Amino acid sequence: MHYKRILLKLSGEALMGERQYGIDPKRLAEYAEEIKSVTDQGIEVAIVIGGGNIFRGVAGASKGMDRVQGDHMGMLATVINGLALQSALEDGGIQTRLQSAIKINEVAEPFIRRKAIRHLEKGRVVIFGGGTGNPYFTTDSAAVLRAIEIHADVILKGTRVDGIYTADPEKDKKATKFDYITFEDVIKKGLKVMDTTAFTLSQENELPIIVFDMNTPGNLLKVVTGEKVGTKVNL
């Protein structure tokens, strides 16, 4: 295996499947199957999910809501998504733990770094909910932070496009894909991979990011086994 411990970042919108909002059970089951194919190979998997399918703090703030209040609602949305994914994974026979950056002891463990690492070493999937626990920070920042804390080998950002392009491939048919790109080139070219805070944190800690299409069956396993799938961002 190319990687021993990975952090998988999924957007909340990815869980909508064909729906306009909320959670699609079919998409959850597909993701659980993809993740199981990786854990069956002995790879340790941690996951961070966004909450955009339920609520976005930034969107709420743009309509007059207090930003901090909105971000707290967004954090709770990530916990709801985490619970849904935990259920789907456990239905597939995968032992899973949900840890939250905000204390909701009845539904999730509090985030404790050493405990999270121990779960991973025992072969359990660990889902990190609640973002960083702080307003003004995205779940991309949470993903990078948790990846660094648990000593993940790589961040795998599962999206609906198969990598990083010169422009948005859904809008520009002439956009070309990068197989490999440096952190510096991403910044120079003004490409959108993650928000600036998350991206800089990843760069400073020399943590590679792979952007790939999570919706193509088998892609996750291909990435962790070192096949050329998606785009790799490295130093």
C-alpha atoms as a PDB file:
ATOM      1  CA  MET A   1       0.000   0.000   0.000  1.00  0.00           C
ATOM      2  CA  HIS A   2       1.215   3.473  -0.895  1.00  0.00           C
ATOM      3  CA  TYR A   3      -0.223   5.072   2.263  1.00  0.00           C
ATOM      4  CA  LYS A   4      -0.669   3.618   5.742  1.00  0.00           C
ATOM      5  CA  ARG A   5      -2.921   6.305   7.279  1.00  0.00           C
ATOM      6  CA  ILE A   6      -5.125   8.663   5.283  1.00  0.00           C
ATOM      7  CA  LEU A   7      -7.502  11.502   6.030  1.00  0.00           C
ATOM      8  CA  LEU A   8     -10.463  11.598   3.655  1.00  0.00           C
ATOM      9  CA  LYS A   9     -12.170  14.975   3.264  1.00  0.00           C
ATOM     10  CA  LEU A  10     -15.737  14.874   1.950  1.00  0.00           C
ATOM     11  CA  SER A  11     -18.004  17.833   1.309  1.00  0.00           C
ATOM     12  CA  GLY A  12     -21.471  17.886   2.807  1.00  0.00           C
ATOM     13  CA  GLU A  13     -22.877  18.429  -0.681  1.00  0.00           C
ATOM     14  CA  ALA A  14     -21.399  15.088  -1.749  1.00  0.00           C
ATOM     15  CA  LEU A  15     -23.855  13.332   0.576  1.00  0.00           C
ATOM     16  CA  MET A  16     -26.847  14.867  -1.258  1.00  0.00           C
ATOM     17  CA  GLY A  17     -26.413  12.537  -4.224  1.00  0.00           C
ATOM     18  CA  GLU A  18     -29.144  13.440  -6.709  1.00  0.00           C
ATOM     19  CA  ARG A  19     -31.120  15.417  -4.118  1.00  0.00           C
ATOM     20  CA  GLN A  20     -31.270  19.185  -3.702  1.00  0.00           C
ATOM     21  CA  TYR A  21     -30.467  19.080   0.016  1.00  0.00           C
ATOM     22  CA  GLY A  22     -30.077  16.656   2.924  1.00  0.00           C
ATOM     23  CA  ILE A  23     -28.624  13.153   2.827  1.00  0.00           C
ATOM     24  CA  ASP A  24     -29.057  10.493   0.138  1.00  0.00           C
ATOM     25  CA  PRO A  25     -28.935   6.985   1.732  1.00  0.00           C
ATOM     26  CA  LYS A  26     -27.852   5.493  -1.610  1.00  0.00           C
ATOM     27  CA  ARG A  27     -24.825   7.812  -1.803  1.00  0.00           C
ATOM     28  CA  LEU A  28     -23.968   7.033   1.837  1.00  0.00           C
ATOM     29  CA  ALA A  29     -24.015   3.296   1.104  1.00  0.00           C
ATOM     30  CA  GLU A  30     -21.760   3.816  -1.950  1.00  0.00           C
ATOM     31  CA  TYR A  31     -19.239   5.782   0.103  1.00  0.00           C
ATOM     32  CA  ALA A  32     -19.311   3.178   2.873  1.00  0.00           C
ATOM     33  CA  GLU A  33     -18.506   0.497   0.292  1.00  0.00           C
ATOM     34  CA  GLU A  34     -15.592   2.550  -1.076  1.00  0.00           C
ATOM     35  CA  ILE A  35     -14.192   3.129   2.420  1.00  0.00           C
ATOM     36  CA  LYS A  36     -14.567  -0.575   3.297  1.00  0.00           C
ATOM     37  CA  SER A  37     -12.511  -1.542   0.232  1.00  0.00           C
ATOM     38  CA  VAL A  38      -9.667   0.514   1.707  1.00  0.00           C
ATOM     39  CA  THR A  39      -9.963  -0.599   5.347  1.00  0.00           C
ATOM     40  CA  ASP A  40     -10.023  -4.232   4.146  1.00  0.00           C
ATOM     41  CA  GLN A  41      -6.457  -3.615   2.907  1.00  0.00           C
ATOM     42  CA  GLY A  42      -5.353  -2.617   6.419  1.00  0.00           C
ATOM     43  CA  ILE A  43      -5.237   1.118   5.700  1.00  0.00           C
ATOM     44  CA  GLU A  44      -6.145   3.395   8.615  1.00  0.00           C
ATOM     45  CA  VAL A  45      -8.903   5.857   7.656  1.00  0.00           C
ATOM     46  CA  ALA A  46      -9.959   9.113   9.294  1.00  0.00           C
ATOM     47  CA  ILE A  47     -12.711  11.265   7.776  1.00  0.00           C
ATOM     48  CA  VAL A  48     -13.782  14.902   7.948  1.00  0.00           C
ATOM     49  CA  ILE A  49     -17.147  15.857   6.421  1.00  0.00           C
ATOM     50  CA  GLY A  50     -18.532  19.287   5.651  1.00  0.00           C
ATOM     51  CA  GLY A  51     -22.069  20.402   6.478  1.00  0.00           C
ATOM     52  CA  GLY A  52     -23.066  22.331   3.345  1.00  0.00           C
ATOM     53  CA  ASN A  53     -25.926  19.936   2.530  1.00  0.00           C
ATOM     54  CA  ILE A  54     -27.636  21.092   5.733  1.00  0.00           C
ATOM     55  CA  PHE A  55     -26.338  24.551   6.629  1.00  0.00           C
ATOM     56  CA  ARG A  56     -23.476  26.914   5.811  1.00  0.00           C
ATOM     57  CA  GLY A  57     -22.451  29.606   8.300  1.00  0.00           C
ATOM     58  CA  VAL A  58     -21.202  31.902   5.524  1.00  0.00           C
ATOM     59  CA  ALA A  59     -24.538  31.657   3.708  1.00  0.00           C
ATOM     60  CA  GLY A  60     -26.393  32.485   6.907  1.00  0.00           C
ATOM     61  CA  ALA A  61     -24.136  35.475   7.582  1.00  0.00           C
ATOM     62  CA  SER A  62     -24.754  36.829   4.073  1.00  0.00           C
ATOM     63  CA  LYS A  63     -28.468  36.968   4.916  1.00  0.00           C
ATOM     64  CA  GLY A  64     -28.008  38.898   8.147  1.00  0.00           C
ATOM     65  CA  MET A  65     -27.432  36.082  10.637  1.00  0.00           C
ATOM     66  CA  ASP A  66     -24.645  36.458  13.186  1.00  0.00           C
ATOM     67  CA  ARG A  67     -21.593  34.713  11.671  1.00  0.00           C
ATOM     68  CA  VAL A  68     -20.558  32.969  14.894  1.00  0.00           C
ATOM     69  CA  GLN A  69     -24.094  31.668  15.403  1.00  0.00           C
ATOM     70  CA  GLY A  70     -24.195  30.488  11.796  1.00  0.00           C
ATOM     71  CA  ASP A  71     -20.845  28.708  12.095  1.00  0.00           C
ATOM     72  CA  HIS A  72     -22.022  26.903  15.210  1.00  0.00           C
ATOM     73  CA  MET A  73     -25.054  25.692  13.249  1.00  0.00           C
ATOM     74  CA  GLY A  74     -22.682  24.530  10.497  1.00  0.00           C
ATOM     75  CA  MET A  75     -20.620  22.597  13.063  1.00  0.00           C
ATOM     76  CA  LEU A  76     -23.755  20.786  14.239  1.00  0.00           C
ATOM     77  CA  ALA A  77     -24.550  19.980  10.594  1.00  0.00           C
ATOM     78  CA  THR A  78     -21.176  18.203  10.270  1.00  0.00           C
ATOM     79  CA  VAL A  79     -22.011  16.110  13.343  1.00  0.00           C
ATOM     80  CA  ILE A  80     -25.353  15.103  11.760  1.00  0.00           C
ATOM     81  CA  ASN A  81     -23.488  14.054   8.597  1.00  0.00           C
ATOM     82  CA  GLY A  82     -20.938  12.215  10.736  1.00  0.00           C
ATOM     83  CA  LEU A  83     -23.686  10.252  12.476  1.00  0.00           C
ATOM     84  CA  ALA A  84     -25.224   9.337   9.110  1.00  0.00           C
ATOM     85  CA  LEU A  85     -21.891   8.122   7.706  1.00  0.00           C
ATOM     86  CA  GLN A  86     -21.093   6.258  10.932  1.00  0.00           C
ATOM     87  CA  SER A  87     -24.396   4.397  10.626  1.00  0.00           C
ATOM     88  CA  ALA A  88     -23.719   3.510   6.975  1.00  0.00           C
ATOM     89  CA  LEU A  89     -20.203   2.274   7.769  1.00  0.00           C
ATOM     90  CA  GLU A  90     -21.377   0.170  10.693  1.00  0.00           C
ATOM     91  CA  ASP A  91     -24.113  -1.330   8.498  1.00  0.00           C
ATOM     92  CA  GLY A  92     -21.222  -2.454   6.294  1.00  0.00           C
ATOM     93  CA  GLY A  93     -19.477  -4.096   9.246  1.00  0.00           C
ATOM     94  CA  ILE A  94     -16.854  -1.376   9.803  1.00  0.00           C
ATOM     95  CA  GLN A  95     -16.179  -0.360  13.397  1.00  0.00           C
ATOM     96  CA  THR A  96     -16.483   3.424  13.487  1.00  0.00           C
ATOM     97  CA  ARG A  97     -16.024   6.157  16.071  1.00  0.00           C
ATOM     98  CA  LEU A  98     -17.384   9.697  15.779  1.00  0.00           C
ATOM     99  CA  GLN A  99     -15.393  12.383  17.602  1.00  0.00           C
ATOM    100  CA  SER A 100     -16.686  15.925  17.884  1.00  0.00           C
ATOM    101  CA  ALA A 101     -14.734  19.147  18.435  1.00  0.00           C
ATOM    102  CA  ILE A 102     -17.761  20.477  20.322  1.00  0.00           C
ATOM    103  CA  LYS A 103     -18.984  18.445  23.270  1.00  0.00           C
ATOM    104  CA  ILE A 104     -22.106  16.403  22.518  1.00  0.00           C
ATOM    105  CA  ASN A 105     -21.305  13.478  24.783  1.00  0.00           C
ATOM    106  CA  GLU A 106     -24.611  11.686  24.196  1.00  0.00           C
ATOM    107  CA  VAL A 107     -23.925  11.225  20.469  1.00  0.00           C
ATOM    108  CA  ALA A 108     -20.156  11.530  19.957  1.00  0.00           C
ATOM    109  CA  GLU A 109     -16.886  11.197  21.805  1.00  0.00           C
ATOM    110  CA  PRO A 110     -15.039  14.453  22.467  1.00  0.00           C
ATOM    111  CA  PHE A 111     -12.001  14.885  20.218  1.00  0.00           C
ATOM    112  CA  ILE A 112      -8.988  13.471  22.049  1.00  0.00           C
ATOM    113  CA  ARG A 113      -5.950  13.123  19.820  1.00  0.00           C
ATOM    114  CA  ARG A 114      -4.377  10.106  21.540  1.00  0.00           C
ATOM    115  CA  LYS A 115      -7.719   8.296  21.628  1.00  0.00           C
ATOM    116  CA  ALA A 116      -8.272   8.977  17.916  1.00  0.00           C
ATOM    117  CA  ILE A 117      -4.844   7.542  17.058  1.00  0.00           C
ATOM    118  CA  ARG A 118      -5.529   4.472  19.226  1.00  0.00           C
ATOM    119  CA  HIS A 119      -8.845   3.880  17.416  1.00  0.00           C
ATOM    120  CA  LEU A 120      -7.030   4.057  14.074  1.00  0.00           C
ATOM    121  CA  GLU A 121      -4.344   1.633  15.251  1.00  0.00           C
ATOM    122  CA  LYS A 122      -7.110  -0.808  16.204  1.00  0.00           C
ATOM    123  CA  GLY A 123      -8.505  -0.642  12.663  1.00  0.00           C
ATOM    124  CA  ARG A 124     -11.494   1.570  13.416  1.00  0.00           C
ATOM    125  CA  VAL A 125     -12.573   4.378  11.113  1.00  0.00           C
ATOM    126  CA  VAL A 126     -12.604   7.714  12.928  1.00  0.00           C
ATOM    127  CA  ILE A 127     -14.942  10.502  11.786  1.00  0.00           C
ATOM    128  CA  PHE A 128     -14.109  13.986  13.025  1.00  0.00           C
ATOM    129  CA  GLY A 129     -17.211  16.185  13.380  1.00  0.00           C
ATOM    130  CA  GLY A 130     -17.740  19.738  14.591  1.00  0.00           C
ATOM    131  CA  GLY A 131     -15.034  21.268  12.382  1.00  0.00           C
ATOM    132  CA  THR A 132     -12.223  22.736  14.479  1.00  0.00           C
ATOM    133  CA  GLY A 133     -14.713  23.726  17.176  1.00  0.00           C
ATOM    134  CA  ASN A 134     -14.108  27.387  16.354  1.00  0.00           C
ATOM    135  CA  PRO A 135     -16.102  29.801  14.176  1.00  0.00           C
ATOM    136  CA  TYR A 136     -14.494  31.332  11.063  1.00  0.00           C
ATOM    137  CA  PHE A 137     -12.642  28.091  10.246  1.00  0.00           C
ATOM    138  CA  THR A 138     -13.811  25.832   7.431  1.00  0.00           C
ATOM    139  CA  THR A 139     -13.976  22.054   7.433  1.00  0.00           C
ATOM    140  CA  ASP A 140     -11.018  22.153   5.002  1.00  0.00           C
ATOM    141  CA  SER A 141      -9.006  23.722   7.832  1.00  0.00           C
ATOM    142  CA  ALA A 142     -10.364  21.071  10.206  1.00  0.00           C
ATOM    143  CA  ALA A 143      -9.289  18.324   7.774  1.00  0.00           C
ATOM    144  CA  VAL A 144      -5.719  19.619   7.519  1.00  0.00           C
ATOM    145  CA  LEU A 145      -5.471  20.211  11.266  1.00  0.00           C
ATOM    146  CA  ARG A 146      -6.709  16.715  12.155  1.00  0.00           C
ATOM    147  CA  ALA A 147      -4.485  15.128   9.475  1.00  0.00           C
ATOM    148  CA  ILE A 148      -1.425  16.791  10.997  1.00  0.00           C
ATOM    149  CA  GLU A 149      -2.453  15.847  14.537  1.00  0.00           C
ATOM    150  CA  ILE A 150      -2.938  12.143  13.740  1.00  0.00           C
ATOM    151  CA  HIS A 151       0.178  12.002  11.507  1.00  0.00           C
ATOM    152  CA  ALA A 152      -1.747  11.104   8.354  1.00  0.00           C
ATOM    153  CA  ASP A 153       0.385  10.430   5.273  1.00  0.00           C
ATOM    154  CA  VAL A 154      -1.909  12.348   2.930  1.00  0.00           C
ATOM    155  CA  ILE A 155      -5.177  14.258   2.654  1.00  0.00           C
ATOM    156  CA  LEU A 156      -7.535  12.825   0.049  1.00  0.00           C
ATOM    157  CA  LYS A 157     -10.077  15.411  -1.017  1.00  0.00           C
ATOM    158  CA  GLY A 158     -12.997  13.568  -2.593  1.00  0.00           C
ATOM    159  CA  THR A 159     -14.918  15.805  -4.997  1.00  0.00           C
ATOM    160  CA  ARG A 160     -17.162  15.429  -8.059  1.00  0.00           C
ATOM    161  CA  VAL A 161     -14.359  16.391 -10.482  1.00  0.00           C
ATOM    162  CA  ASP A 162     -11.388  14.134 -11.196  1.00  0.00           C
ATOM    163  CA  GLY A 163      -8.629  16.544 -10.166  1.00  0.00           C
ATOM    164  CA  ILE A 164      -7.387  20.130 -10.411  1.00  0.00           C
ATOM    165  CA  TYR A 165      -7.878  21.913 -13.723  1.00  0.00           C
ATOM    166  CA  THR A 166      -6.629  25.175 -15.244  1.00  0.00           C
ATOM    167  CA  ALA A 167     -10.255  26.386 -14.977  1.00  0.00           C
ATOM    168  CA  ASP A 168     -13.598  24.987 -13.853  1.00  0.00           C
ATOM    169  CA  PRO A 169     -14.113  21.993 -16.209  1.00  0.00           C
ATOM    170  CA  GLU A 170     -17.892  22.211 -15.741  1.00  0.00           C
ATOM    171  CA  LYS A 171     -17.850  25.748 -17.192  1.00  0.00           C
ATOM    172  CA  ASP A 172     -14.802  25.743 -19.489  1.00  0.00           C
ATOM    173  CA  LYS A 173     -14.513  22.813 -21.914  1.00  0.00           C
ATOM    174  CA  LYS A 174     -10.929  23.820 -22.788  1.00  0.00           C
ATOM    175  CA  ALA A 175      -9.735  23.409 -19.189  1.00  0.00           C
ATOM    176  CA  THR A 176      -6.843  20.961 -18.860  1.00  0.00           C
ATOM    177  CA  LYS A 177      -6.086  18.741 -15.879  1.00  0.00           C
ATOM    178  CA  PHE A 178      -2.899  18.653 -13.806  1.00  0.00           C
ATOM    179  CA  ASP A 179      -1.600  15.222 -12.762  1.00  0.00           C
ATOM    180  CA  TYR A 180       0.848  16.852 -10.379  1.00  0.00           C
ATOM    181  CA  ILE A 181       1.300  20.420  -9.164  1.00  0.00           C
ATOM    182  CA  THR A 182       3.295  22.146  -6.429  1.00  0.00           C
ATOM    183  CA  PHE A 183       1.770  24.215  -3.629  1.00  0.00           C
ATOM    184  CA  GLU A 184       3.544  27.299  -5.042  1.00  0.00           C
ATOM    185  CA  ASP A 185       2.097  26.814  -8.518  1.00  0.00           C
ATOM    186  CA  VAL A 186      -1.426  26.443  -7.121  1.00  0.00           C
ATOM    187  CA  ILE A 187      -1.027  29.822  -5.384  1.00  0.00           C
ATOM    188  CA  LYS A 188       0.630  31.484  -8.424  1.00  0.00           C
ATOM    189  CA  LYS A 189      -2.070  30.297 -10.812  1.00  0.00           C
ATOM    190  CA  GLY A 190      -4.846  31.242  -8.380  1.00  0.00           C
ATOM    191  CA  LEU A 191      -6.333  27.732  -8.443  1.00  0.00           C
ATOM    192  CA  LYS A 192      -8.989  26.829  -5.887  1.00  0.00           C
ATOM    193  CA  VAL A 193      -8.107  23.647  -4.013  1.00  0.00           C
ATOM    194  CA  MET A 194      -8.924  24.565  -0.416  1.00  0.00           C
ATOM    195  CA  ASP A 195      -9.373  27.839   1.415  1.00  0.00           C
ATOM    196  CA  THR A 196      -6.121  29.782   1.968  1.00  0.00           C
ATOM    197  CA  THR A 197      -5.831  28.980   5.697  1.00  0.00           C
ATOM    198  CA  ALA A 198      -6.153  25.229   5.148  1.00  0.00           C
ATOM    199  CA  PHE A 199      -3.891  25.213   2.088  1.00  0.00           C
ATOM    200  CA  THR A 200      -1.115  27.198   3.794  1.00  0.00           C
ATOM    201  CA  LEU A 201      -1.267  24.943   6.864  1.00  0.00           C
ATOM    202  CA  SER A 202      -0.886  21.886   4.644  1.00  0.00           C
ATOM    203  CA  GLN A 203       2.051  23.479   2.781  1.00  0.00           C
ATOM    204  CA  GLU A 204       3.862  24.489   5.967  1.00  0.00           C
ATOM    205  CA  ASN A 205       3.573  20.959   7.335  1.00  0.00           C
ATOM    206  CA  GLU A 206       4.591  19.324   4.033  1.00  0.00           C
ATOM    207  CA  LEU A 207       1.343  17.360   3.921  1.00  0.00           C
ATOM    208  CA  PRO A 208       0.420  16.301   0.361  1.00  0.00           C
ATOM    209  CA  ILE A 209      -3.134  16.691  -0.925  1.00  0.00           C
ATOM    210  CA  ILE A 210      -4.734  14.525  -3.610  1.00  0.00           C
ATOM    211  CA  VAL A 211      -7.907  15.824  -5.261  1.00  0.00           C
ATOM    212  CA  PHE A 212      -9.909  13.070  -6.965  1.00  0.00           C
ATOM    213  CA  ASP A 213     -13.408  12.052  -8.046  1.00  0.00           C
ATOM    214  CA  MET A 214     -14.956  10.196  -5.115  1.00  0.00           C
ATOM    215  CA  ASN A 215     -18.078   9.321  -7.111  1.00  0.00           C
ATOM    216  CA  THR A 216     -16.258   6.932  -9.462  1.00  0.00           C
ATOM    217  CA  PRO A 217     -16.346   3.416  -7.956  1.00  0.00           C
ATOM    218  CA  GLY A 218     -12.881   2.062  -7.121  1.00  0.00           C
ATOM    219  CA  ASN A 219     -11.137   5.443  -7.226  1.00  0.00           C
ATOM    220  CA  LEU A 220     -10.430   5.635  -3.489  1.00  0.00           C
ATOM    221  CA  LEU A 221      -8.658   2.275  -3.498  1.00  0.00           C
ATOM    222  CA  LYS A 222      -6.699   3.252  -6.613  1.00  0.00           C
ATOM    223  CA  VAL A 223      -5.479   6.445  -4.934  1.00  0.00           C
ATOM    224  CA  VAL A 224      -4.248   4.723  -1.763  1.00  0.00           C
ATOM    225  CA  THR A 225      -2.494   2.009  -3.752  1.00  0.00           C
ATOM    226  CA  GLY A 226      -0.520   4.680  -5.625  1.00  0.00           C
ATOM    227  CA  GLU A 227      -2.266   4.633  -8.996  1.00  0.00           C
ATOM    228  CA  LYS A 228      -2.339   7.917 -10.907  1.00  0.00           C
ATOM    229  CA  VAL A 229      -5.829   9.129 -10.100  1.00  0.00           C
ATOM    230  CA  GLY A 230      -6.752  12.785  -9.666  1.00  0.00           C
ATOM    231  CA  THR A 231      -4.186  15.513  -9.004  1.00  0.00           C
ATOM    232  CA  LYS A 232      -1.447  15.416  -6.383  1.00  0.00           C
ATOM    233  CA  VAL A 233      -0.352  18.664  -4.713  1.00  0.00           C
ATOM    234  CA  ASN A 234       3.065  18.430  -3.099  1.00  0.00           C
ATOM    235  CA  LEU A 235       6.125  20.570  -2.399  1.00  0.00           C
END
